[in-house]
C-alpha atoms as a PDB file:
ATOM      1  CA  MET A   1      45.936   9.380 127.931  1.00  0.00           C
ATOM      2  CA  VAL A   2      43.152   6.940 127.049  1.00  0.00           C
ATOM      3  CA  ASP A   3      44.821   3.528 126.903  1.00  0.00           C
ATOM      4  CA  THR A   4      42.972   0.361 125.862  1.00  0.00           C
ATOM      5  CA  GLY A   5      46.210  -1.545 126.385  1.00  0.00           C
ATOM      6  CA  SER A   6      46.298  -0.816 130.129  1.00  0.00           C
ATOM      7  CA  ASN A   7      44.054  -1.541 133.095  1.00  0.00           C
ATOM      8  CA  LEU A   8      45.525   0.945 135.544  1.00  0.00           C
ATOM      9  CA  ILE A   9      44.515   4.527 136.204  1.00  0.00           C
ATOM     10  CA  TRP A  10      47.353   6.727 137.397  1.00  0.00           C
ATOM     11  CA  THR A  11      48.676  10.250 137.308  1.00  0.00           C
ATOM     12  CA  GLN A  12      52.059  11.765 138.036  1.00  0.00           C
ATOM     13  CA  CYS A  13      52.316  12.842 141.667  1.00  0.00           C
ATOM     14  CA  GLU A  14      54.565  14.952 143.828  1.00  0.00           C
ATOM     15  CA  PRO A  15      57.177  14.463 145.059  1.00  0.00           C
ATOM     16  CA  CYS A  16      58.410  12.917 141.822  1.00  0.00           C
ATOM     17  CA  GLU A  17      61.716  11.073 141.607  1.00  0.00           C
ATOM     18  CA  LYS A  18      61.696  10.932 137.818  1.00  0.00           C
ATOM     19  CA  CYS A  19      58.807  12.418 135.883  1.00  0.00           C
ATOM     20  CA  TYR A  20      58.321  13.496 132.308  1.00  0.00           C
ATOM     21  CA  THR A  21      57.429  17.144 131.733  1.00  0.00           C
ATOM     22  CA  GLN A  22      53.739  18.028 131.860  1.00  0.00           C
ATOM     23  CA  ALA A  23      51.849  21.303 131.568  1.00  0.00           C
ATOM     24  CA  GLN A  24      49.652  20.862 134.655  1.00  0.00           C
ATOM     25  CA  PRO A  25      50.931  20.698 138.254  1.00  0.00           C
ATOM     26  CA  LEU A  26      51.718  17.291 139.714  1.00  0.00           C
ATOM     27  CA  PHE A  27      48.967  15.774 141.855  1.00  0.00           C
ATOM     28  CA  PRO A  28      49.661  16.412 145.575  1.00  0.00           C
ATOM     29  CA  TYR A  29      48.518  13.021 146.798  1.00  0.00           C
ATOM     30  CA  LYS A  30      49.870  13.530 150.338  1.00  0.00           C
ATOM     31  CA  ARG A  31      47.406  16.371 150.768  1.00  0.00           C
ATOM     32  CA  SER A  32      44.474  14.366 149.419  1.00  0.00           C
ATOM     33  CA  ARG A  33      42.186  12.824 152.029  1.00  0.00           C
ATOM     34  CA  THR A  34      40.710  10.430 149.493  1.00  0.00           C
ATOM     35  CA  TYR A  35      43.824   9.366 147.582  1.00  0.00           C
ATOM     36  CA  GLU A  36      43.633   5.836 146.096  1.00  0.00           C
ATOM     37  CA  LEU A  37      39.827   5.892 146.362  1.00  0.00           C
ATOM     38  CA  ASP A  38      38.868   9.206 144.877  1.00  0.00           C
ATOM     39  CA  THR A  39      36.007  10.990 143.133  1.00  0.00           C
ATOM     40  CA  PHE A  40      36.102  11.424 139.367  1.00  0.00           C
ATOM     41  CA  THR A  41      34.056  14.241 137.873  1.00  0.00           C
ATOM     42  CA  PHE A  42      32.806  13.859 134.310  1.00  0.00           C
ATOM     43  CA  GLU A  43      31.709  16.674 132.054  1.00  0.00           C
ATOM     44  CA  GLY A  44      28.900  15.981 129.596  1.00  0.00           C
ATOM     45  CA  GLU A  45      26.989  17.988 127.072  1.00  0.00           C
ATOM     46  CA  ASN A  46      26.031  21.575 127.894  1.00  0.00           C
ATOM     47  CA  SER A  47      28.890  21.637 130.458  1.00  0.00           C
ATOM     48  CA  ALA A  48      26.845  19.537 132.902  1.00  0.00           C
ATOM     49  CA  THR A  49      28.971  17.552 135.347  1.00  0.00           C
ATOM     50  CA  ASP A  50      28.464  14.420 137.377  1.00  0.00           C
ATOM     51  CA  SER A  51      30.665  12.644 139.869  1.00  0.00           C
ATOM     52  CA  VAL A  52      31.539   8.994 140.406  1.00  0.00           C
ATOM     53  CA  TYR A  53      32.851   8.069 143.826  1.00  0.00           C
ATOM     54  CA  HIS A  54      35.433   5.511 144.972  1.00  0.00           C
ATOM     55  CA  ILE A  55      37.435   5.160 141.774  1.00  0.00           C
ATOM     56  CA  VAL A  56      40.708   3.376 142.512  1.00  0.00           C
ATOM     57  CA  PHE A  57      43.743   5.043 140.991  1.00  0.00           C
ATOM     58  CA  GLY A  58      47.439   5.338 141.678  1.00  0.00           C
ATOM     59  CA  CYS A  59      50.427   7.647 141.546  1.00  0.00           C
ATOM     60  CA  GLY A  60      53.438   7.578 139.284  1.00  0.00           C
ATOM     61  CA  THR A  61      56.600   9.005 140.826  1.00  0.00           C
ATOM     62  CA  ASN A  62      59.295   7.255 138.762  1.00  0.00           C
ATOM     63  CA  GLN A  63      58.519   6.994 135.042  1.00  0.00           C
ATOM     64  CA  GLN A  64      61.085   5.225 132.889  1.00  0.00           C
ATOM     65  CA  GLU A  65      61.403   5.725 129.119  1.00  0.00           C
ATOM     66  CA  MET A  66      58.282   7.856 128.873  1.00  0.00           C
ATOM     67  CA  SER A  67      58.287  11.031 126.826  1.00  0.00           C
ATOM     68  CA  PHE A  68      55.862  12.869 124.603  1.00  0.00           C
ATOM     69  CA  PRO A  69      56.791  15.000 121.582  1.00  0.00           C
ATOM     70  CA  THR A  70      54.169  17.725 122.030  1.00  0.00           C
ATOM     71  CA  THR A  71      55.009  20.973 123.805  1.00  0.00           C
ATOM     72  CA  PRO A  72      53.504  21.776 126.193  1.00  0.00           C
ATOM     73  CA  ASN A  73      52.667  18.190 127.097  1.00  0.00           C
ATOM     74  CA  GLN A  74      49.044  17.800 128.205  1.00  0.00           C
ATOM     75  CA  ILE A  75      49.369  14.141 129.282  1.00  0.00           C
ATOM     76  CA  ASN A  76      49.423  13.733 133.063  1.00  0.00           C
ATOM     77  CA  GLY A  77      49.043   9.963 133.267  1.00  0.00           C
ATOM     78  CA  ILE A  78      47.161   6.937 131.997  1.00  0.00           C
ATOM     79  CA  LEU A  79      43.427   6.259 131.907  1.00  0.00           C
ATOM     80  CA  GLY A  80      43.348   2.472 131.597  1.00  0.00           C
ATOM     81  CA  MET A  81      40.434   1.190 129.502  1.00  0.00           C
ATOM     82  CA  GLY A  82      41.485  -2.455 129.182  1.00  0.00           C
ATOM     83  CA  SER A  83      39.381  -5.494 130.074  1.00  0.00           C
ATOM     84  CA  GLY A  84      40.794  -5.928 133.599  1.00  0.00           C
ATOM     85  CA  TYR A  85      38.746  -5.196 136.702  1.00  0.00           C
ATOM     86  CA  ARG A  86      40.777  -2.082 137.633  1.00  0.00           C
ATOM     87  CA  SER A  87      40.159  -0.310 134.305  1.00  0.00           C
ATOM     88  CA  LEU A  88      37.911   2.725 134.304  1.00  0.00           C
ATOM     89  CA  VAL A  89      35.121   1.132 132.268  1.00  0.00           C
ATOM     90  CA  ASN A  90      34.927  -1.835 134.642  1.00  0.00           C
ATOM     91  CA  GLN A  91      35.117   0.325 137.770  1.00  0.00           C
ATOM     92  CA  LEU A  92      32.191   2.346 136.432  1.00  0.00           C
ATOM     93  CA  GLY A  93      30.240  -0.920 136.099  1.00  0.00           C
ATOM     94  CA  THR A  94      26.611  -0.538 135.042  1.00  0.00           C
ATOM     95  CA  ARG A  95      26.981   3.238 134.921  1.00  0.00           C
ATOM     96  CA  ALA A  96      29.112   2.809 131.805  1.00  0.00           C
ATOM     97  CA  GLY A  97      26.496   0.604 130.168  1.00  0.00           C
ATOM     98  CA  GLU A  98      29.268  -1.935 129.409  1.00  0.00           C
ATOM     99  CA  LYS A  99      30.105   0.063 126.311  1.00  0.00           C
ATOM    100  CA  PHE A 100      32.536   2.854 125.490  1.00  0.00           C
ATOM    101  CA  SER A 101      33.878   4.708 122.485  1.00  0.00           C
ATOM    102  CA  TYR A 102      36.614   7.137 121.547  1.00  0.00           C
ATOM    103  CA  CYS A 103      37.711   9.025 118.458  1.00  0.00           C
ATOM    104  CA  ILE A 104      41.338  10.101 118.031  1.00  0.00           C
ATOM    105  CA  PRO A 105      41.788  13.330 116.041  1.00  0.00           C
ATOM    106  CA  ARG A 106      44.509  13.392 113.444  1.00  0.00           C
ATOM    107  CA  SER A 107      46.016  16.814 114.062  1.00  0.00           C
ATOM    108  CA  LYS A 108      49.189  18.498 115.201  1.00  0.00           C
ATOM    109  CA  ASN A 109      47.214  20.804 117.477  1.00  0.00           C
ATOM    110  CA  ASN A 110      48.355  20.169 121.046  1.00  0.00           C
ATOM    111  CA  ASN A 111      44.929  21.160 122.348  1.00  0.00           C
ATOM    112  CA  ASP A 112      43.181  18.291 120.581  1.00  0.00           C
ATOM    113  CA  LYS A 113      42.047  15.605 122.999  1.00  0.00           C
ATOM    114  CA  ILE A 114      40.582  12.114 122.994  1.00  0.00           C
ATOM    115  CA  TYR A 115      37.105  12.170 124.460  1.00  0.00           C
ATOM    116  CA  LEU A 116      35.214   9.187 125.828  1.00  0.00           C
ATOM    117  CA  ARG A 117      31.565   8.270 125.516  1.00  0.00           C
ATOM    118  CA  PHE A 118      29.818   5.596 127.552  1.00  0.00           C
ATOM    119  CA  GLY A 119      26.564   3.636 127.355  1.00  0.00           C
ATOM    120  CA  GLN A 120      23.959   4.894 124.906  1.00  0.00           C
ATOM    121  CA  GLU A 121      26.236   7.759 123.884  1.00  0.00           C
ATOM    122  CA  ALA A 122      28.849   5.268 122.643  1.00  0.00           C
ATOM    123  CA  THR A 123      27.374   4.880 119.194  1.00  0.00           C
ATOM    124  CA  PHE A 124      27.693   5.929 115.574  1.00  0.00           C
ATOM    125  CA  LYS A 125      25.940   8.590 113.583  1.00  0.00           C
ATOM    126  CA  HIS A 126      23.292   7.634 111.062  1.00  0.00           C
ATOM    127  CA  GLY A 127      24.781   6.756 107.699  1.00  0.00           C
ATOM    128  CA  GLN A 128      28.265   5.807 108.889  1.00  0.00           C
ATOM    129  CA  GLN A 129      29.716   2.660 107.331  1.00  0.00           C
ATOM    130  CA  VAL A 130      30.336   0.568 110.426  1.00  0.00           C
ATOM    131  CA  ARG A 131      32.535  -2.522 110.505  1.00  0.00           C
ATOM    132  CA  SER A 132      32.685  -4.909 113.452  1.00  0.00           C
ATOM    133  CA  THR A 133      35.062  -7.642 114.549  1.00  0.00           C
ATOM    134  CA  PRO A 134      34.973  -9.813 117.674  1.00  0.00           C
ATOM    135  CA  PHE A 135      37.568  -9.310 120.368  1.00  0.00           C
ATOM    136  CA  ARG A 136      38.901 -12.280 122.250  1.00  0.00           C
ATOM    137  CA  LYS A 137      40.361 -13.094 125.636  1.00  0.00           C
ATOM    138  CA  GLY A 138      44.095 -13.499 125.912  1.00  0.00           C
ATOM    139  CA  PRO A 139      46.886 -13.583 128.477  1.00  0.00           C
ATOM    140  CA  LEU A 140      46.807  -9.783 128.761  1.00  0.00           C
ATOM    141  CA  LYS A 141      43.685  -8.016 130.011  1.00  0.00           C
ATOM    142  CA  THR A 142      43.158  -6.143 126.773  1.00  0.00           C
ATOM    143  CA  TYR A 143      41.315  -6.472 123.464  1.00  0.00           C
ATOM    144  CA  TYR A 144      42.680  -9.130 121.114  1.00  0.00           C
ATOM    145  CA  VAL A 145      41.383  -9.141 117.543  1.00  0.00           C
ATOM    146  CA  ARG A 146      42.181 -11.609 114.792  1.00  0.00           C
ATOM    147  CA  LEU A 147      44.438 -10.097 112.141  1.00  0.00           C
ATOM    148  CA  LEU A 148      44.299 -12.214 109.002  1.00  0.00           C
ATOM    149  CA  ASP A 149      46.431 -10.224 106.562  1.00  0.00           C
ATOM    150  CA  ILE A 150      47.648  -6.775 105.547  1.00  0.00           C
ATOM    151  CA  SER A 151      47.501  -5.220 102.099  1.00  0.00           C
ATOM    152  CA  VAL A 152      49.209  -2.169 100.598  1.00  0.00           C
ATOM    153  CA  ASP A 153      47.525  -0.451  97.655  1.00  0.00           C
ATOM    154  CA  GLY A 154      45.568  -3.649  96.979  1.00  0.00           C
ATOM    155  CA  PHE A 155      48.622  -5.923  97.173  1.00  0.00           C
ATOM    156  CA  HIS A 156      48.145  -8.584  99.859  1.00  0.00           C
ATOM    157  CA  LEU A 157      51.224  -9.521 101.844  1.00  0.00           C
ATOM    158  CA  HIS A 158      49.788 -13.063 102.229  1.00  0.00           C
ATOM    159  CA  PHE A 159      50.973 -13.914 105.712  1.00  0.00           C
ATOM    160  CA  PRO A 160      50.564 -17.590 106.617  1.00  0.00           C
ATOM    161  CA  PRO A 161      47.289 -18.641 108.263  1.00  0.00           C
ATOM    162  CA  GLU A 162      47.254 -17.951 112.023  1.00  0.00           C
ATOM    163  CA  TYR A 163      50.485 -15.937 111.699  1.00  0.00           C
ATOM    164  CA  PHE A 164      49.217 -13.276 114.122  1.00  0.00           C
ATOM    165  CA  ASP A 165      47.082 -15.581 116.301  1.00  0.00           C
ATOM    166  CA  ILE A 166      47.584 -16.301 119.993  1.00  0.00           C
ATOM    167  CA  ARG A 167      49.777 -19.390 120.335  1.00  0.00           C
ATOM    168  CA  HIS A 168      49.364 -22.294 122.745  1.00  0.00           C
ATOM    169  CA  ASP A 169      51.976 -20.841 125.091  1.00  0.00           C
ATOM    170  CA  GLY A 170      50.052 -17.536 125.297  1.00  0.00           C
ATOM    171  CA  SER A 171      52.435 -15.557 123.099  1.00  0.00           C
ATOM    172  CA  GLY A 172      51.397 -13.859 119.889  1.00  0.00           C
ATOM    173  CA  GLY A 173      48.071 -12.239 119.160  1.00  0.00           C
ATOM    174  CA  CYS A 174      47.054  -8.825 117.854  1.00  0.00           C
ATOM    175  CA  VAL A 175      45.715  -6.136 120.198  1.00  0.00           C
ATOM    176  CA  ILE A 176      44.055  -2.760 119.675  1.00  0.00           C
ATOM    177  CA  ASP A 177      46.032  -0.311 121.793  1.00  0.00           C
ATOM    178  CA  SER A 178      45.093   3.365 121.781  1.00  0.00           C
ATOM    179  CA  GLY A 179      47.931   4.120 124.205  1.00  0.00           C
ATOM    180  CA  SER A 180      50.646   2.961 121.824  1.00  0.00           C
ATOM    181  CA  PRO A 181      51.136   5.541 119.065  1.00  0.00           C
ATOM    182  CA  PHE A 182      52.911   3.179 116.685  1.00  0.00           C
ATOM    183  CA  THR A 183      51.655   0.014 115.045  1.00  0.00           C
ATOM    184  CA  ALA A 184      53.944  -2.942 115.729  1.00  0.00           C
ATOM    185  CA  LEU A 185      54.536  -6.084 113.670  1.00  0.00           C
ATOM    186  CA  PRO A 186      56.919  -9.037 113.983  1.00  0.00           C
ATOM    187  CA  GLN A 187      60.295  -8.138 112.487  1.00  0.00           C
ATOM    188  CA  GLU A 188      59.828 -10.316 109.389  1.00  0.00           C
ATOM    189  CA  ALA A 189      56.368  -8.887 108.707  1.00  0.00           C
ATOM    190  CA  TYR A 190      57.563  -5.362 109.448  1.00  0.00           C
ATOM    191  CA  GLN A 191      60.416  -5.684 106.955  1.00  0.00           C
ATOM    192  CA  TRP A 192      58.074  -7.103 104.330  1.00  0.00           C
ATOM    193  CA  LEU A 193      55.668  -4.196 104.803  1.00  0.00           C
ATOM    194  CA  MET A 194      58.491  -1.643 104.543  1.00  0.00           C
ATOM    195  CA  ASN A 195      59.691  -3.257 101.299  1.00  0.00           C
ATOM    196  CA  VAL A 196      56.230  -3.039  99.727  1.00  0.00           C
ATOM    197  CA  VAL A 197      55.698   0.567 100.850  1.00  0.00           C
ATOM    198  CA  THR A 198      59.130   1.467  99.448  1.00  0.00           C
ATOM    199  CA  GLN A 199      58.205  -0.133  96.119  1.00  0.00           C
ATOM    200  CA  TYR A 200      54.966   1.845  96.051  1.00  0.00           C
ATOM    201  CA  PHE A 201      56.708   5.198  96.445  1.00  0.00           C
ATOM    202  CA  ALA A 202      59.526   4.151  94.076  1.00  0.00           C
ATOM    203  CA  GLN A 203      56.921   3.794  91.319  1.00  0.00           C
ATOM    204  CA  MET A 204      56.014   7.420  92.023  1.00  0.00           C
ATOM    205  CA  GLN A 205      59.710   8.361  91.892  1.00  0.00           C
ATOM    206  CA  LEU A 206      59.593   9.420  95.523  1.00  0.00           C
ATOM    207  CA  PRO A 207      62.932   8.487  97.118  1.00  0.00           C
ATOM    208  CA  THR A 208      63.591   7.450 100.680  1.00  0.00           C
ATOM    209  CA  LYS A 209      65.062   9.967 103.112  1.00  0.00           C
ATOM    210  CA  GLN A 210      67.394   8.983 105.936  1.00  0.00           C
ATOM    211  CA  ASN A 211      66.406   9.897 109.481  1.00  0.00           C
ATOM    212  CA  PRO A 212      68.216   8.486 112.538  1.00  0.00           C
ATOM    213  CA  ASP A 213      65.008   8.312 114.582  1.00  0.00           C
ATOM    214  CA  TRP A 214      62.879   6.446 112.031  1.00  0.00           C
ATOM    215  CA  ASP A 215      63.248   3.194 110.108  1.00  0.00           C
ATOM    216  CA  LEU A 216      61.605   4.340 106.877  1.00  0.00           C
ATOM    217  CA  CYS A 217      61.041   7.891 105.640  1.00  0.00           C
ATOM    218  CA  PHE A 218      60.369   9.495 102.282  1.00  0.00           C
ATOM    219  CA  GLN A 219      60.514  12.917 100.780  1.00  0.00           C
ATOM    220  CA  ILE A 220      57.256  14.784 101.275  1.00  0.00           C
ATOM    221  CA  PRO A 221      54.858  13.839  98.455  1.00  0.00           C
ATOM    222  CA  GLY A 222      53.525  16.505  96.167  1.00  0.00           C
ATOM    223  CA  PRO A 223      49.925  17.694  96.517  1.00  0.00           C
ATOM    224  CA  ASN A 224      48.719  15.271  93.825  1.00  0.00           C
ATOM    225  CA  GLN A 225      50.726  12.256  94.952  1.00  0.00           C
ATOM    226  CA  PRO A 226      48.511   9.766  96.828  1.00  0.00           C
ATOM    227  CA  TYR A 227      49.546   7.799  99.880  1.00  0.00           C
ATOM    228  CA  PRO A 228      49.224   4.006  99.757  1.00  0.00           C
ATOM    229  CA  LEU A 229      46.065   2.577 101.270  1.00  0.00           C
ATOM    230  CA  ILE A 230      47.149   0.136 103.983  1.00  0.00           C
ATOM    231  CA  VAL A 231      44.395  -2.257 105.040  1.00  0.00           C
ATOM    232  CA  PHE A 232      44.312  -4.431 108.151  1.00  0.00           C
ATOM    233  CA  HIS A 233      42.189  -7.404 107.194  1.00  0.00           C
ATOM    234  CA  LEU A 234      40.496  -8.457 110.434  1.00  0.00           C
ATOM    235  CA  ASP A 235      37.944 -11.168 111.085  1.00  0.00           C
ATOM    236  CA  ASN A 236      34.837  -9.911 109.234  1.00  0.00           C
ATOM    237  CA  ALA A 237      36.123  -6.312 108.999  1.00  0.00           C
ATOM    238  CA  ASP A 238      38.740  -4.240 107.171  1.00  0.00           C
ATOM    239  CA  LEU A 239      40.430  -1.249 108.811  1.00  0.00           C
ATOM    240  CA  GLN A 240      41.595   1.091 106.040  1.00  0.00           C
ATOM    241  CA  VAL A 241      44.454   3.477 106.735  1.00  0.00           C
ATOM    242  CA  GLY A 242      45.777   6.192 104.432  1.00  0.00           C
ATOM    243  CA  THR A 243      47.822   9.167 105.586  1.00  0.00           C
ATOM    244  CA  SER A 244      47.389   8.061 109.222  1.00  0.00           C
ATOM    245  CA  ALA A 245      49.990   5.360 108.584  1.00  0.00           C
ATOM    246  CA  PHE A 246      52.612   8.092 108.318  1.00  0.00           C
ATOM    247  CA  VAL A 247      53.973  10.822 110.555  1.00  0.00           C
ATOM    248  CA  SER A 248      54.685  14.166 108.895  1.00  0.00           C
ATOM    249  CA  LEU A 249      57.973  15.821 109.796  1.00  0.00           C
ATOM    250  CA  ASP A 250      59.311  19.151 108.564  1.00  0.00           C
ATOM    251  CA  ASP A 251      61.157  17.579 105.643  1.00  0.00           C
ATOM    252  CA  ALA A 252      59.809  14.031 105.354  1.00  0.00           C
ATOM    253  CA  ILE A 253      57.023  11.567 105.995  1.00  0.00           C
ATOM    254  CA  CYS A 254      57.840   8.455 108.045  1.00  0.00           C
ATOM    255  CA  LEU A 255      56.059   5.142 108.413  1.00  0.00           C
ATOM    256  CA  ALA A 256      54.377   5.003 111.842  1.00  0.00           C
ATOM    257  CA  PHE A 257      55.195   1.319 112.330  1.00  0.00           C
ATOM    258  CA  THR A 258      57.808  -0.499 114.359  1.00  0.00           C
ATOM    259  CA  SER A 259      58.971  -3.999 115.248  1.00  0.00           C
ATOM    260  CA  SER A 260      57.152  -5.913 117.985  1.00  0.00           C
ATOM    261  CA  GLY A 261      60.289  -7.814 118.932  1.00  0.00           C
ATOM    262  CA  ASP A 262      60.610  -6.194 122.376  1.00  0.00           C
ATOM    263  CA  LEU A 263      56.938  -6.178 123.342  1.00  0.00           C
ATOM    264  CA  GLY A 264      56.856  -9.234 125.564  1.00  0.00           C
ATOM    265  CA  GLY A 265      55.518 -11.776 123.108  1.00  0.00           C
ATOM    266  CA  ILE A 266      52.649  -9.889 121.424  1.00  0.00           C
ATOM    267  CA  SER A 267      52.736 -10.376 117.652  1.00  0.00           C
ATOM    268  CA  ALA A 268      51.031  -7.171 116.562  1.00  0.00           C
ATOM    269  CA  ILE A 269      49.682  -3.914 117.945  1.00  0.00           C
ATOM    270  CA  ILE A 270      47.238  -1.703 116.060  1.00  0.00           C
ATOM    271  CA  GLY A 271      48.369   1.624 117.468  1.00  0.00           C
ATOM    272  CA  GLY A 272      46.716   4.964 118.031  1.00  0.00           C
ATOM    273  CA  LEU A 273      48.023   6.785 114.954  1.00  0.00           C
ATOM    274  CA  VAL A 274      46.444   4.365 112.475  1.00  0.00           C
ATOM    275  CA  GLN A 275      43.235   4.498 114.498  1.00  0.00           C
ATOM    276  CA  SER A 276      42.927   8.266 114.050  1.00  0.00           C
ATOM    277  CA  ASP A 277      39.845   9.730 112.386  1.00  0.00           C
ATOM    278  CA  ASN A 278      37.879   6.576 113.133  1.00  0.00           C
ATOM    279  CA  ARG A 279      35.339   6.189 115.909  1.00  0.00           C
ATOM    280  CA  PHE A 280      35.917   2.960 117.846  1.00  0.00           C
ATOM    281  CA  VAL A 281      33.104   1.433 119.898  1.00  0.00           C
ATOM    282  CA  PHE A 282      33.852  -1.388 122.345  1.00  0.00           C
ATOM    283  CA  ASN A 283      30.789  -3.444 123.313  1.00  0.00           C
ATOM    284  CA  LEU A 284      31.693  -5.494 126.381  1.00  0.00           C
ATOM    285  CA  VAL A 285      28.444  -7.491 126.284  1.00  0.00           C
ATOM    286  CA  MET A 286      28.748  -8.554 122.638  1.00  0.00           C
ATOM    287  CA  SER A 287      32.573  -8.768 122.821  1.00  0.00           C
ATOM    288  CA  THR A 288      32.925  -6.722 119.655  1.00  0.00           C
ATOM    289  CA  VAL A 289      34.895  -3.690 118.575  1.00  0.00           C
ATOM    290  CA  SER A 290      33.329  -1.636 115.812  1.00  0.00           C
ATOM    291  CA  PHE A 291      34.751   1.285 113.875  1.00  0.00           C
ATOM    292  CA  ALA A 292      33.771   3.823 111.236  1.00  0.00           C
ATOM    293  CA  ASN A 293      35.488   6.734 109.588  1.00  0.00           C
ATOM    294  CA  GLU A 294      34.789  10.048 111.298  1.00  0.00           C
ATOM    295  CA  ASN A 295      36.278  13.519 111.545  1.00  0.00           C
ATOM    296  CA  CYS A 296      37.235  13.201 115.196  1.00  0.00           C
ATOM    297  CA  LYS A 297      38.272  16.819 115.587  1.00  0.00           C
ATOM    298  CA  ARG A 298      34.762  18.005 114.771  1.00  0.00           C
ATOM    299  CA  THR A 299      32.665  15.383 116.509  1.00  0.00           C
ATOM    300  CA  SER A 300      34.450  14.590 119.768  1.00  0.00           C
ATOM    301  CA  LEU A 301      32.516  15.440 122.907  1.00  0.00           C
ATOM    302  CA  THR A 302      33.525  15.541 126.516  1.00  0.00           C
ATOM    303  CA  PHE A 303      33.221  12.615 128.929  1.00  0.00           C
ATOM    304  CA  GLN A 304      29.750  11.116 128.996  1.00  0.00           C
ATOM    305  CA  TYR A 305      28.299   8.041 130.568  1.00  0.00           C
ATOM    306  CA  LEU A 306      24.902   6.427 131.112  1.00  0.00           C
END
């Protein structure tokens, strides 16, 4: 799993004390002569491959509170893409061109994957409407962006200035985390957002639906009933989210948000689900993250680097 919120690269290994179920065999690290400093092979266009030597990675043999809803599960571990020195993009160094991008498909197909592009390949197509916001340093080796406000169907929630900013003690801040499926907000902000979304669907006479695993669900909208446009108002850029803000179940749609109360002091996380069907480009030289709407299922390519 591509994870901008992590700096470690690891896979599940045998023998495993407590592992989540995965489709592929566990990595037999005891039989690997190069374990911990191994060779990573990347596949590019036209099925061409290239190898990068001496990539540091680790083994997971006791995973706690990790599970994935897809069956069979294709996730074997974590590919850390954070700003720390052990992340893949920083271990690749100049070969990655200090730039990477990904595009998360919005699909229920278990075979859909997130593909990475590096260097000159980490770019946008001609004609895409690209928005950019600076990312900042923070206590965690990840990508902090400044979240100014959130709006729902044009209604601004009007959070106080610096509500989501990093505080003097290092707590707070908003991060872009592709490894976290759900978007997280402080409990007060989360409740306020749920109230406004509920009001939106109430005007459409779409009632809530109770589900023990979700905080807020609704009956499935009809084919002509629009979803609310939720906008993250960032510094100099707006990230617009429609249906990606919701998870579709068999009998309901549920808001793909949660409370950030147990996340170790971070105020907000912009998670992977709301990022779907947008290409994200991280420029480590300019310290910017840019994004543009894209059909990720059609345009994703395999690993590439310069």
